[in-house]
C-alpha atoms as a PDB file:
ATOM      1  CA  MET A   1       2.252  -1.164 -15.243  1.00  0.00           C
ATOM      2  CA  ASN A   2       2.958   0.784 -12.049  1.00  0.00           C
ATOM      3  CA  THR A   3       6.453   2.312 -12.142  1.00  0.00           C
ATOM      4  CA  HIS A   4       6.416   4.047  -8.770  1.00  0.00           C
ATOM      5  CA  PRO A   5       8.889   3.107  -6.030  1.00  0.00           C
ATOM      6  CA  ILE A   6       7.650   0.199  -3.957  1.00  0.00           C
ATOM      7  CA  TRP A   7       6.273   1.224  -0.574  1.00  0.00           C
ATOM      8  CA  ARG A   8       7.255  -1.553   1.858  1.00  0.00           C
ATOM      9  CA  VAL A   9       6.362   0.195   5.125  1.00  0.00           C
ATOM     10  CA  LEU A  10       3.414   2.594   5.281  1.00  0.00           C
ATOM     11  CA  LEU A  11       2.762   4.186   8.670  1.00  0.00           C
ATOM     12  CA  PHE A  12      -0.644   5.488   9.730  1.00  0.00           C
ATOM     13  CA  ILE A  13      -0.510   8.779  11.662  1.00  0.00           C
ATOM     14  CA  PRO A  14      -3.653  10.323  13.218  1.00  0.00           C
ATOM     15  CA  GLY A  15      -4.427  13.557  11.409  1.00  0.00           C
ATOM     16  CA  ASP A  16      -5.264  15.375  14.624  1.00  0.00           C
ATOM     17  CA  SER A  17      -1.960  14.710  16.424  1.00  0.00           C
ATOM     18  CA  GLU A  18       0.750  17.293  15.835  1.00  0.00           C
ATOM     19  CA  ARG A  19       3.105  15.379  18.119  1.00  0.00           C
ATOM     20  CA  LYS A  20       2.748  12.101  16.215  1.00  0.00           C
ATOM     21  CA  MET A  21       3.190  13.865  12.888  1.00  0.00           C
ATOM     22  CA  ALA A  22       6.435  15.451  14.066  1.00  0.00           C
ATOM     23  CA  LYS A  23       7.647  12.037  15.236  1.00  0.00           C
ATOM     24  CA  GLY A  24       6.541  10.336  12.011  1.00  0.00           C
ATOM     25  CA  ALA A  25       8.538  12.772   9.900  1.00  0.00           C
ATOM     26  CA  THR A  26      11.760  11.431  11.480  1.00  0.00           C
ATOM     27  CA  LEU A  27      11.069   7.710  10.977  1.00  0.00           C
ATOM     28  CA  ASP A  28      12.447   5.272   8.396  1.00  0.00           C
ATOM     29  CA  VAL A  29       9.264   4.574   6.450  1.00  0.00           C
ATOM     30  CA  ASP A  30       8.487   4.521   2.747  1.00  0.00           C
ATOM     31  CA  ALA A  31       5.201   6.361   3.198  1.00  0.00           C
ATOM     32  CA  VAL A  32       3.173   8.083   5.876  1.00  0.00           C
ATOM     33  CA  ILE A  33      -0.620   7.956   5.749  1.00  0.00           C
ATOM     34  CA  LEU A  34      -2.031  11.067   7.414  1.00  0.00           C
ATOM     35  CA  ASP A  35      -5.380   9.787   8.578  1.00  0.00           C
ATOM     36  CA  LEU A  36      -8.604  11.779   8.519  1.00  0.00           C
ATOM     37  CA  GLU A  37     -10.822   8.715   8.972  1.00  0.00           C
ATOM     38  CA  ASP A  38     -10.873   6.093  11.751  1.00  0.00           C
ATOM     39  CA  SER A  39      -8.217   7.552  14.068  1.00  0.00           C
ATOM     40  CA  VAL A  40      -9.877  10.985  14.216  1.00  0.00           C
ATOM     41  CA  ALA A  41     -12.927  11.604  16.400  1.00  0.00           C
ATOM     42  CA  PRO A  42     -15.895  13.254  14.650  1.00  0.00           C
ATOM     43  CA  ALA A  43     -15.456  16.425  16.698  1.00  0.00           C
ATOM     44  CA  ASN A  44     -11.863  16.753  15.442  1.00  0.00           C
ATOM     45  CA  LYS A  45     -12.428  16.261  11.704  1.00  0.00           C
ATOM     46  CA  VAL A  46     -12.247  19.938  10.760  1.00  0.00           C
ATOM     47  CA  SER A  47      -9.163  20.676  12.847  1.00  0.00           C
ATOM     48  CA  ALA A  48      -7.502  17.498  11.564  1.00  0.00           C
ATOM     49  CA  ARG A  49      -7.940  18.671   7.973  1.00  0.00           C
ATOM     50  CA  GLU A  50      -6.226  21.944   8.821  1.00  0.00           C
ATOM     51  CA  LEU A  51      -3.389  20.210  10.672  1.00  0.00           C
ATOM     52  CA  VAL A  52      -2.775  17.782   7.802  1.00  0.00           C
ATOM     53  CA  ARG A  53      -2.863  20.652   5.312  1.00  0.00           C
ATOM     54  CA  HIS A  54      -0.358  22.618   7.379  1.00  0.00           C
ATOM     55  CA  SER A  55       1.997  19.640   7.735  1.00  0.00           C
ATOM     56  CA  LEU A  56       2.049  19.172   3.966  1.00  0.00           C
ATOM     57  CA  VAL A  57       2.374  22.848   3.024  1.00  0.00           C
ATOM     58  CA  SER A  58       5.087  23.487   5.607  1.00  0.00           C
ATOM     59  CA  GLY A  59       7.272  20.650   4.330  1.00  0.00           C
ATOM     60  CA  LEU A  60       7.225  18.719   7.607  1.00  0.00           C
ATOM     61  CA  PHE A  61       7.517  15.523   5.547  1.00  0.00           C
ATOM     62  CA  PRO A  62      10.329  16.276   3.066  1.00  0.00           C
ATOM     63  CA  THR A  63       9.425  15.468  -0.530  1.00  0.00           C
ATOM     64  CA  GLY A  64      11.434  12.531  -1.833  1.00  0.00           C
ATOM     65  CA  ARG A  65      12.350  10.985   1.518  1.00  0.00           C
ATOM     66  CA  MET A  66       8.960   9.409   2.098  1.00  0.00           C
ATOM     67  CA  ALA A  67       5.682   9.388   0.214  1.00  0.00           C
ATOM     68  CA  ARG A  68       2.997  11.596   1.761  1.00  0.00           C
ATOM     69  CA  LEU A  69      -0.474  10.066   1.598  1.00  0.00           C
ATOM     70  CA  VAL A  70      -3.799  11.179   3.074  1.00  0.00           C
ATOM     71  CA  ARG A  71      -6.623   8.836   4.003  1.00  0.00           C
ATOM     72  CA  VAL A  72      -9.945  10.566   3.451  1.00  0.00           C
ATOM     73  CA  ASN A  73     -13.204   9.859   5.211  1.00  0.00           C
ATOM     74  CA  THR A  74     -15.482   7.010   4.233  1.00  0.00           C
ATOM     75  CA  ILE A  75     -18.577   7.377   2.148  1.00  0.00           C
ATOM     76  CA  HIS A  76     -21.029   4.750   1.053  1.00  0.00           C
ATOM     77  CA  SER A  77     -21.057   3.846  -2.627  1.00  0.00           C
ATOM     78  CA  ALA A  78     -21.249   7.019  -4.705  1.00  0.00           C
ATOM     79  CA  ARG A  79     -24.420   5.623  -6.260  1.00  0.00           C
ATOM     80  CA  VAL A  80     -26.285   5.795  -2.961  1.00  0.00           C
ATOM     81  CA  ALA A  81     -24.324   8.218  -0.754  1.00  0.00           C
ATOM     82  CA  PRO A  82     -26.214  11.383   0.223  1.00  0.00           C
ATOM     83  CA  PRO A  83     -24.779  14.707  -1.022  1.00  0.00           C
ATOM     84  CA  ASP A  84     -23.559  15.747   2.433  1.00  0.00           C
ATOM     85  CA  GLU A  85     -21.504  12.551   2.702  1.00  0.00           C
ATOM     86  CA  LEU A  86     -19.920  13.151  -0.686  1.00  0.00           C
ATOM     87  CA  ALA A  87     -19.202  16.727   0.358  1.00  0.00           C
ATOM     88  CA  VAL A  88     -17.227  15.577   3.416  1.00  0.00           C
ATOM     89  CA  GLN A  89     -14.816  13.626   1.250  1.00  0.00           C
ATOM     90  CA  ALA A  90     -14.581  16.459  -1.271  1.00  0.00           C
ATOM     91  CA  ARG A  91     -13.682  18.829   1.569  1.00  0.00           C
ATOM     92  CA  ASP A  92     -10.940  16.430   2.681  1.00  0.00           C
ATOM     93  CA  ILE A  93      -9.351  16.766  -0.754  1.00  0.00           C
ATOM     94  CA  ALA A  94      -9.894  20.510  -1.100  1.00  0.00           C
ATOM     95  CA  ALA A  95      -8.297  21.179   2.282  1.00  0.00           C
ATOM     96  CA  THR A  96      -5.200  19.048   1.733  1.00  0.00           C
ATOM     97  CA  ILE A  97      -4.301  18.950  -1.967  1.00  0.00           C
ATOM     98  CA  GLN A  98      -2.684  22.385  -1.746  1.00  0.00           C
ATOM     99  CA  GLY A  99       0.119  20.570   0.080  1.00  0.00           C
ATOM    100  CA  ARG A 100       0.753  18.393  -2.996  1.00  0.00           C
ATOM    101  CA  PRO A 101       0.424  14.987  -1.308  1.00  0.00           C
ATOM    102  CA  ASP A 102       1.714  12.078  -3.341  1.00  0.00           C
ATOM    103  CA  GLY A 103      -1.623  10.359  -3.106  1.00  0.00           C
ATOM    104  CA  TYR A 104      -4.804   9.547  -1.229  1.00  0.00           C
ATOM    105  CA  VAL A 105      -5.960   6.369   0.458  1.00  0.00           C
ATOM    106  CA  LEU A 106      -9.591   5.787  -0.450  1.00  0.00           C
ATOM    107  CA  PRO A 107     -11.402   3.638   2.149  1.00  0.00           C
ATOM    108  CA  LYS A 108     -14.283   1.204   1.670  1.00  0.00           C
ATOM    109  CA  VAL A 109     -13.881   1.002  -2.094  1.00  0.00           C
ATOM    110  CA  GLU A 110     -16.663  -1.185  -3.456  1.00  0.00           C
ATOM    111  CA  SER A 111     -16.761  -0.424  -7.176  1.00  0.00           C
ATOM    112  CA  ALA A 112     -14.778   0.962 -10.067  1.00  0.00           C
ATOM    113  CA  GLN A 113     -17.137   3.953  -9.964  1.00  0.00           C
ATOM    114  CA  ASP A 114     -15.860   4.839  -6.482  1.00  0.00           C
ATOM    115  CA  VAL A 115     -12.302   5.090  -7.806  1.00  0.00           C
ATOM    116  CA  GLU A 116     -13.273   6.908 -10.995  1.00  0.00           C
ATOM    117  CA  ARG A 117     -15.381   9.486  -9.132  1.00  0.00           C
ATOM    118  CA  PHE A 118     -12.462  10.196  -6.803  1.00  0.00           C
ATOM    119  CA  ALA A 119     -10.084  10.423  -9.766  1.00  0.00           C
ATOM    120  CA  ARG A 120     -12.322  13.059 -11.344  1.00  0.00           C
ATOM    121  CA  LEU A 121     -12.175  15.116  -8.162  1.00  0.00           C
ATOM    122  CA  LEU A 122      -8.382  14.926  -8.166  1.00  0.00           C
ATOM    123  CA  LEU A 123      -8.225  15.884 -11.832  1.00  0.00           C
ATOM    124  CA  GLY A 124     -10.281  19.012 -11.199  1.00  0.00           C
ATOM    125  CA  HIS A 125      -7.983  20.129  -8.398  1.00  0.00           C
ATOM    126  CA  GLU A 126      -4.821  19.365 -10.375  1.00  0.00           C
ATOM    127  CA  GLN A 127      -6.103  21.474 -13.260  1.00  0.00           C
ATOM    128  CA  SER A 128      -7.129  24.388 -11.052  1.00  0.00           C
ATOM    129  CA  LEU A 129      -3.801  24.384  -9.185  1.00  0.00           C
ATOM    130  CA  GLY A 130      -1.658  23.944 -12.295  1.00  0.00           C
ATOM    131  CA  MET A 131      -0.337  20.587 -11.086  1.00  0.00           C
ATOM    132  CA  GLU A 132       0.938  17.801 -13.303  1.00  0.00           C
ATOM    133  CA  ILE A 133      -2.113  15.841 -14.395  1.00  0.00           C
ATOM    134  CA  GLY A 134      -2.205  12.388 -12.839  1.00  0.00           C
ATOM    135  CA  ARG A 135       0.584  13.000 -10.330  1.00  0.00           C
ATOM    136  CA  THR A 136      -1.714  12.467  -7.339  1.00  0.00           C
ATOM    137  CA  LYS A 137      -2.165   8.727  -6.930  1.00  0.00           C
ATOM    138  CA  ILE A 138      -4.942   6.635  -5.379  1.00  0.00           C
ATOM    139  CA  LEU A 139      -4.617   3.574  -3.165  1.00  0.00           C
ATOM    140  CA  ALA A 140      -7.907   1.691  -2.873  1.00  0.00           C
ATOM    141  CA  LEU A 141      -8.730   0.017   0.431  1.00  0.00           C
ATOM    142  CA  ILE A 142     -10.495  -3.301  -0.154  1.00  0.00           C
ATOM    143  CA  GLU A 143     -12.221  -3.952   3.162  1.00  0.00           C
ATOM    144  CA  THR A 144     -15.803  -5.020   2.460  1.00  0.00           C
ATOM    145  CA  ALA A 145     -17.393  -8.088   0.912  1.00  0.00           C
ATOM    146  CA  ARG A 146     -18.632  -6.014  -2.019  1.00  0.00           C
ATOM    147  CA  GLY A 147     -15.138  -4.661  -2.565  1.00  0.00           C
ATOM    148  CA  VAL A 148     -13.693  -8.167  -2.757  1.00  0.00           C
ATOM    149  CA  VAL A 149     -16.401  -9.305  -5.176  1.00  0.00           C
ATOM    150  CA  ASN A 150     -15.686  -6.307  -7.431  1.00  0.00           C
ATOM    151  CA  VAL A 151     -11.897  -6.247  -7.036  1.00  0.00           C
ATOM    152  CA  ARG A 152     -11.215  -6.978 -10.711  1.00  0.00           C
ATOM    153  CA  GLU A 153     -13.159  -3.926 -11.872  1.00  0.00           C
ATOM    154  CA  ILE A 154     -11.628  -1.812  -9.104  1.00  0.00           C
ATOM    155  CA  ALA A 155      -8.076  -2.809 -10.080  1.00  0.00           C
ATOM    156  CA  ALA A 156      -8.767  -1.824 -13.690  1.00  0.00           C
ATOM    157  CA  ALA A 157     -10.189   1.596 -12.790  1.00  0.00           C
ATOM    158  CA  ALA A 158      -8.397   4.900 -13.390  1.00  0.00           C
ATOM    159  CA  PRO A 159      -5.287   3.445 -15.043  1.00  0.00           C
ATOM    160  CA  GLY A 160      -2.193   5.490 -14.296  1.00  0.00           C
ATOM    161  CA  ARG A 161      -3.925   7.081 -11.325  1.00  0.00           C
ATOM    162  CA  LEU A 162      -4.575   3.969  -9.226  1.00  0.00           C
ATOM    163  CA  ALA A 163      -1.245   2.912  -7.706  1.00  0.00           C
ATOM    164  CA  GLY A 164      -2.198   0.097  -5.369  1.00  0.00           C
ATOM    165  CA  LEU A 165      -4.722  -2.048  -3.542  1.00  0.00           C
ATOM    166  CA  ILE A 166      -4.720  -2.257   0.250  1.00  0.00           C
ATOM    167  CA  PHE A 167      -6.198  -5.249   2.051  1.00  0.00           C
ATOM    168  CA  GLY A 168      -8.223  -4.279   5.144  1.00  0.00           C
ATOM    169  CA  ALA A 169      -8.793  -7.390   7.250  1.00  0.00           C
ATOM    170  CA  GLU A 170     -10.504  -5.948  10.327  1.00  0.00           C
ATOM    171  CA  ASP A 171     -13.308  -4.145   8.519  1.00  0.00           C
ATOM    172  CA  LEU A 172     -13.750  -7.052   6.120  1.00  0.00           C
ATOM    173  CA  ALA A 173     -14.118  -9.552   8.957  1.00  0.00           C
ATOM    174  CA  ALA A 174     -16.745  -7.326  10.563  1.00  0.00           C
ATOM    175  CA  ASP A 175     -18.571  -6.929   7.254  1.00  0.00           C
ATOM    176  CA  VAL A 176     -18.573 -10.672   6.570  1.00  0.00           C
ATOM    177  CA  GLY A 177     -19.328 -11.600  10.183  1.00  0.00           C
ATOM    178  CA  SER A 178     -16.304 -13.872  10.548  1.00  0.00           C
ATOM    179  CA  ASP A 179     -14.175 -14.376  13.638  1.00  0.00           C
ATOM    180  CA  ARG A 180     -10.620 -13.051  13.267  1.00  0.00           C
ATOM    181  CA  THR A 181      -7.994 -15.667  14.047  1.00  0.00           C
ATOM    182  CA  ALA A 182      -4.219 -15.406  14.308  1.00  0.00           C
ATOM    183  CA  ASP A 183      -3.453 -17.208  11.043  1.00  0.00           C
ATOM    184  CA  GLY A 184      -6.510 -15.766   9.264  1.00  0.00           C
ATOM    185  CA  PRO A 185      -7.807 -18.662   7.096  1.00  0.00           C
ATOM    186  CA  GLU A 186     -11.254 -17.070   7.144  1.00  0.00           C
ATOM    187  CA  LEU A 187      -9.892 -14.241   4.992  1.00  0.00           C
ATOM    188  CA  GLY A 188      -7.630 -16.305   2.751  1.00  0.00           C
ATOM    189  CA  TYR A 189      -9.752 -15.939  -0.379  1.00  0.00           C
ATOM    190  CA  ALA A 190     -10.003 -12.173  -0.031  1.00  0.00           C
ATOM    191  CA  ARG A 191      -6.296 -11.750   0.687  1.00  0.00           C
ATOM    192  CA  GLY A 192      -5.415 -13.814  -2.361  1.00  0.00           C
ATOM    193  CA  ALA A 193      -7.846 -11.886  -4.545  1.00  0.00           C
ATOM    194  CA  VAL A 194      -6.182  -8.588  -3.631  1.00  0.00           C
ATOM    195  CA  VAL A 195      -2.688  -9.910  -4.411  1.00  0.00           C
ATOM    196  CA  LEU A 196      -3.664 -11.541  -7.703  1.00  0.00           C
ATOM    197  CA  HIS A 197      -5.562  -8.569  -9.066  1.00  0.00           C
ATOM    198  CA  ALA A 198      -2.880  -6.119  -8.001  1.00  0.00           C
ATOM    199  CA  ALA A 199      -0.293  -8.197  -9.857  1.00  0.00           C
ATOM    200  CA  ALA A 200      -2.539  -8.568 -12.904  1.00  0.00           C
ATOM    201  CA  PHE A 201      -2.934  -4.811 -13.250  1.00  0.00           C
ATOM    202  CA  GLY A 202       0.578  -3.752 -12.242  1.00  0.00           C
ATOM    203  CA  LEU A 203      -0.398  -2.330  -8.858  1.00  0.00           C
ATOM    204  CA  GLN A 204       1.197  -2.467  -5.448  1.00  0.00           C
ATOM    205  CA  ALA A 205      -0.437  -4.848  -2.979  1.00  0.00           C
ATOM    206  CA  ILE A 206      -0.359  -3.596   0.615  1.00  0.00           C
ATOM    207  CA  ASP A 207      -1.210  -5.941   3.482  1.00  0.00           C
ATOM    208  CA  THR A 208      -3.450  -5.177   6.448  1.00  0.00           C
ATOM    209  CA  PRO A 209      -2.140  -3.825   9.788  1.00  0.00           C
ATOM    210  CA  TYR A 210      -1.139  -6.197  12.566  1.00  0.00           C
ATOM    211  CA  THR A 211      -3.150  -5.066  15.565  1.00  0.00           C
ATOM    212  CA  ASP A 212      -1.293  -6.742  18.464  1.00  0.00           C
ATOM    213  CA  LEU A 213       1.246  -4.068  19.360  1.00  0.00           C
ATOM    214  CA  THR A 214       2.905  -6.298  21.968  1.00  0.00           C
ATOM    215  CA  ASN A 215       3.768  -9.186  19.638  1.00  0.00           C
ATOM    216  CA  LEU A 216       6.520  -8.041  17.290  1.00  0.00           C
ATOM    217  CA  ASN A 217       7.524 -11.638  16.536  1.00  0.00           C
ATOM    218  CA  GLY A 218       3.984 -12.327  15.381  1.00  0.00           C
ATOM    219  CA  LEU A 219       4.085  -9.199  13.249  1.00  0.00           C
ATOM    220  CA  HIS A 220       7.336 -10.269  11.621  1.00  0.00           C
ATOM    221  CA  ALA A 221       5.953 -13.739  10.885  1.00  0.00           C
ATOM    222  CA  GLU A 222       2.771 -12.311   9.353  1.00  0.00           C
ATOM    223  CA  ALA A 223       4.743  -9.826   7.273  1.00  0.00           C
ATOM    224  CA  ARG A 224       7.056 -12.579   5.995  1.00  0.00           C
ATOM    225  CA  ALA A 225       4.021 -14.654   5.047  1.00  0.00           C
ATOM    226  CA  ALA A 226       2.542 -11.644   3.253  1.00  0.00           C
ATOM    227  CA  ARG A 227       5.749 -11.159   1.283  1.00  0.00           C
ATOM    228  CA  ARG A 228       5.814 -14.837   0.293  1.00  0.00           C
ATOM    229  CA  MET A 229       2.216 -14.521  -0.837  1.00  0.00           C
ATOM    230  CA  GLY A 230       3.055 -11.627  -3.140  1.00  0.00           C
ATOM    231  CA  PHE A 231       2.254  -8.512  -1.118  1.00  0.00           C
ATOM    232  CA  THR A 232       4.689  -5.682  -1.776  1.00  0.00           C
ATOM    233  CA  GLY A 233       4.280  -3.910   1.566  1.00  0.00           C
ATOM    234  CA  LYS A 234       2.383  -3.709   4.840  1.00  0.00           C
ATOM    235  CA  LEU A 235       0.619  -1.069   6.894  1.00  0.00           C
ATOM    236  CA  ALA A 236       2.069  -0.091  10.284  1.00  0.00           C
ATOM    237  CA  ILE A 237       0.088   1.487  13.086  1.00  0.00           C
ATOM    238  CA  HIS A 238       2.924   2.134  15.564  1.00  0.00           C
ATOM    239  CA  PRO A 239       6.587   3.139  15.173  1.00  0.00           C
ATOM    240  CA  ALA A 240       7.680  -0.101  16.892  1.00  0.00           C
ATOM    241  CA  GLN A 241       6.265  -2.040  13.950  1.00  0.00           C
ATOM    242  CA  ILE A 242       8.462  -0.355  11.334  1.00  0.00           C
ATOM    243  CA  SER A 243      11.632  -2.405  11.791  1.00  0.00           C
ATOM    244  CA  PRO A 244       9.946  -5.864  11.845  1.00  0.00           C
ATOM    245  CA  ILE A 245       8.037  -5.043   8.660  1.00  0.00           C
ATOM    246  CA  ARG A 246      11.093  -3.675   6.881  1.00  0.00           C
ATOM    247  CA  GLN A 247      13.131  -6.731   7.848  1.00  0.00           C
ATOM    248  CA  ALA A 248      10.361  -9.082   6.731  1.00  0.00           C
ATOM    249  CA  PHE A 249      10.077  -7.497   3.292  1.00  0.00           C
ATOM    250  CA  ALA A 250      13.824  -7.548   2.670  1.00  0.00           C
ATOM    251  CA  PRO A 251      15.407 -10.759   1.344  1.00  0.00           C
ATOM    252  CA  THR A 252      17.525 -12.655   3.847  1.00  0.00           C
ATOM    253  CA  ASP A 253      21.269 -13.009   3.316  1.00  0.00           C
ATOM    254  CA  GLU A 254      20.701 -16.663   2.444  1.00  0.00           C
ATOM    255  CA  GLU A 255      18.067 -15.776  -0.175  1.00  0.00           C
ATOM    256  CA  ILE A 256      20.349 -13.171  -1.716  1.00  0.00           C
ATOM    257  CA  ALA A 257      23.308 -15.564  -1.878  1.00  0.00           C
ATOM    258  CA  ALA A 258      21.185 -18.336  -3.418  1.00  0.00           C
ATOM    259  CA  ALA A 259      19.749 -15.965  -5.996  1.00  0.00           C
ATOM    260  CA  GLN A 260      23.201 -14.720  -6.937  1.00  0.00           C
ATOM    261  CA  ARG A 261      24.514 -18.278  -7.336  1.00  0.00           C
ATOM    262  CA  LEU A 262      21.562 -19.153  -9.540  1.00  0.00           C
ATOM    263  CA  LEU A 263      22.040 -16.128 -11.780  1.00  0.00           C
ATOM    264  CA  ASP A 264      25.772 -16.767 -12.045  1.00  0.00           C
ATOM    265  CA  ALA A 265      25.031 -20.332 -13.138  1.00  0.00           C
ATOM    266  CA  TYR A 266      22.399 -19.112 -15.579  1.00  0.00           C
ATOM    267  CA  HIS A 267      24.774 -16.694 -17.272  1.00  0.00           C
ATOM    268  CA  ALA A 268      27.458 -19.362 -17.510  1.00  0.00           C
ATOM    269  CA  HIS A 269      25.056 -21.850 -19.124  1.00  0.00           C
ATOM    270  CA  ALA A 270      23.532 -19.173 -21.375  1.00  0.00           C
ATOM    271  CA  ALA A 271      27.005 -18.372 -22.717  1.00  0.00           C
ATOM    272  CA  GLN A 272      27.196 -22.005 -23.811  1.00  0.00           C
ATOM    273  CA  GLY A 273      23.768 -21.863 -25.455  1.00  0.00           C
ATOM    274  CA  ALA A 274      21.876 -23.766 -22.736  1.00  0.00           C
ATOM    275  CA  GLY A 275      18.362 -22.565 -21.868  1.00  0.00           C
ATOM    276  CA  VAL A 276      17.395 -25.135 -19.230  1.00  0.00           C
ATOM    277  CA  PHE A 277      19.952 -26.573 -16.828  1.00  0.00           C
ATOM    278  CA  VAL A 278      20.355 -28.291 -13.462  1.00  0.00           C
ATOM    279  CA  HIS A 279      21.536 -26.179 -10.534  1.00  0.00           C
ATOM    280  CA  GLU A 280      22.005 -27.479  -6.993  1.00  0.00           C
ATOM    281  CA  GLY A 281      19.866 -30.504  -7.789  1.00  0.00           C
ATOM    282  CA  LYS A 282      16.971 -28.574  -9.358  1.00  0.00           C
ATOM    283  CA  MET A 283      15.915 -28.065 -12.947  1.00  0.00           C
ATOM    284  CA  VAL A 284      16.069 -24.345 -13.712  1.00  0.00           C
ATOM    285  CA  ASP A 285      13.980 -22.515 -16.296  1.00  0.00           C
ATOM    286  CA  ARG A 286      12.983 -18.924 -16.960  1.00  0.00           C
ATOM    287  CA  PRO A 287      10.419 -18.478 -14.121  1.00  0.00           C
ATOM    288  CA  MET A 288      13.097 -19.370 -11.558  1.00  0.00           C
ATOM    289  CA  ILE A 289      15.468 -16.850 -13.154  1.00  0.00           C
ATOM    290  CA  ARG A 290      12.825 -14.117 -12.885  1.00  0.00           C
ATOM    291  CA  ALA A 291      12.309 -14.985  -9.206  1.00  0.00           C
ATOM    292  CA  ALA A 292      16.048 -14.707  -8.541  1.00  0.00           C
ATOM    293  CA  GLU A 293      16.207 -11.378 -10.374  1.00  0.00           C
ATOM    294  CA  ARG A 294      13.327 -10.111  -8.255  1.00  0.00           C
ATOM    295  CA  ILE A 295      15.112 -11.122  -5.039  1.00  0.00           C
ATOM    296  CA  LEU A 296      18.212  -9.170  -6.038  1.00  0.00           C
ATOM    297  CA  ALA A 297      16.098  -6.166  -7.032  1.00  0.00           C
ATOM    298  CA  ASP A 298      14.429  -6.308  -3.612  1.00  0.00           C
ATOM    299  CA  ALA A 299      17.858  -6.555  -1.980  1.00  0.00           C
ATOM    300  CA  ARG A 300      19.017  -3.430  -3.798  1.00  0.00           C
ATOM    301  CA  ALA A 301      15.845  -1.583  -2.769  1.00  0.00           C
ATOM    302  CA  ALA A 302      16.509  -2.624   0.842  1.00  0.00           C
ATOM    303  CA  ARG A 303      20.109  -1.384   0.509  1.00  0.00           C
ATOM    304  CA  LYS A 304      21.479  -4.896   1.111  1.00  0.00           C
ATOM    305  CA  LEU A 305      23.403  -4.887  -2.178  1.00  0.00           C
END
C-alpha cells in the first residue's frame, strides 16, 4: 500500500525554461513535474537536462514543500527500442538524479517490463550515490492502447517503487484513433481501468491535463468528476489551473458537515452496540462510514479541518 502524501495538484514545467521553473517554485502545488519530454524541443534536450539538474541541486524547489518529479523522454517498449533510444532515457536519469528528485514520470508505459527496467536503472544510481534504496519513486503514464490493456501487470510492477498511475487522454485518443470530446465517453473504459488498478495496488491515480486554458469552469467540473470517480489528483499545465484543481479535490463544506454528522451518529450508535442504523433517512453500514472517514481525511489534507 502506498503511504506517500497524496499529490492533488501536479504542475508540468518545461525543463528548458528557467523563468517558468522560478515561477513554479513559488506556487501552491503538491508536486512539480520538470519536463524533459513533450514540452522541450529536440534541439534543447541537452540544455534542458542541465537546467533541470541545476534547479534540483541548487534547492530551487525546497525539499518537503512540494514533491520534485522529472518526466524523462519516451522510448518504445524496452523489448524493441534501439540502444540509442534507451541511452537517451538513461542520460535523463544520470543527469538529474544527483539532485535527489522525489521521483520520475515514465511516459508511454506499455508493460511491466518498462517499469522494472526503469526501476533497475534507479537502483543502480541510488547505490552508486549512497542514496536510500527505493526512495526515488516512479509514476507510470498510461497513454497508449497497449498500456491500458496491460495496466494490471504495470500496476503490480516494482512494488514499493511505483507510486502512481497517470492517465494520459490526449496521447491515448491519438493512439486509438478516437475523437476527443468534452465529456470524454470514448475514453471511459481506459479512465476507469487506471482508477481501479491504482486502487487495487495501493497507488495514486492522477488524471489527465485539461487542455482548454480559457475554460476554468470546465476544468473545475472535470476535476470534480475525476475526484468522484476515484482519482486522487490531476495534472496542471498552467498556473491558472492550480486553484480550480485544488478546490475540486477538496471536500465541500457541505460534504464535511454531512460526514461529521454521520460519524457522530455512528459513534453514538456503536456505544449502544448497534452496527447498522438509520441516519437522515438512509441505512448506514461500514462502507458508508469508511467514505465519511475518507472525506474528513481529505478535509484535513486540504487544511479545511
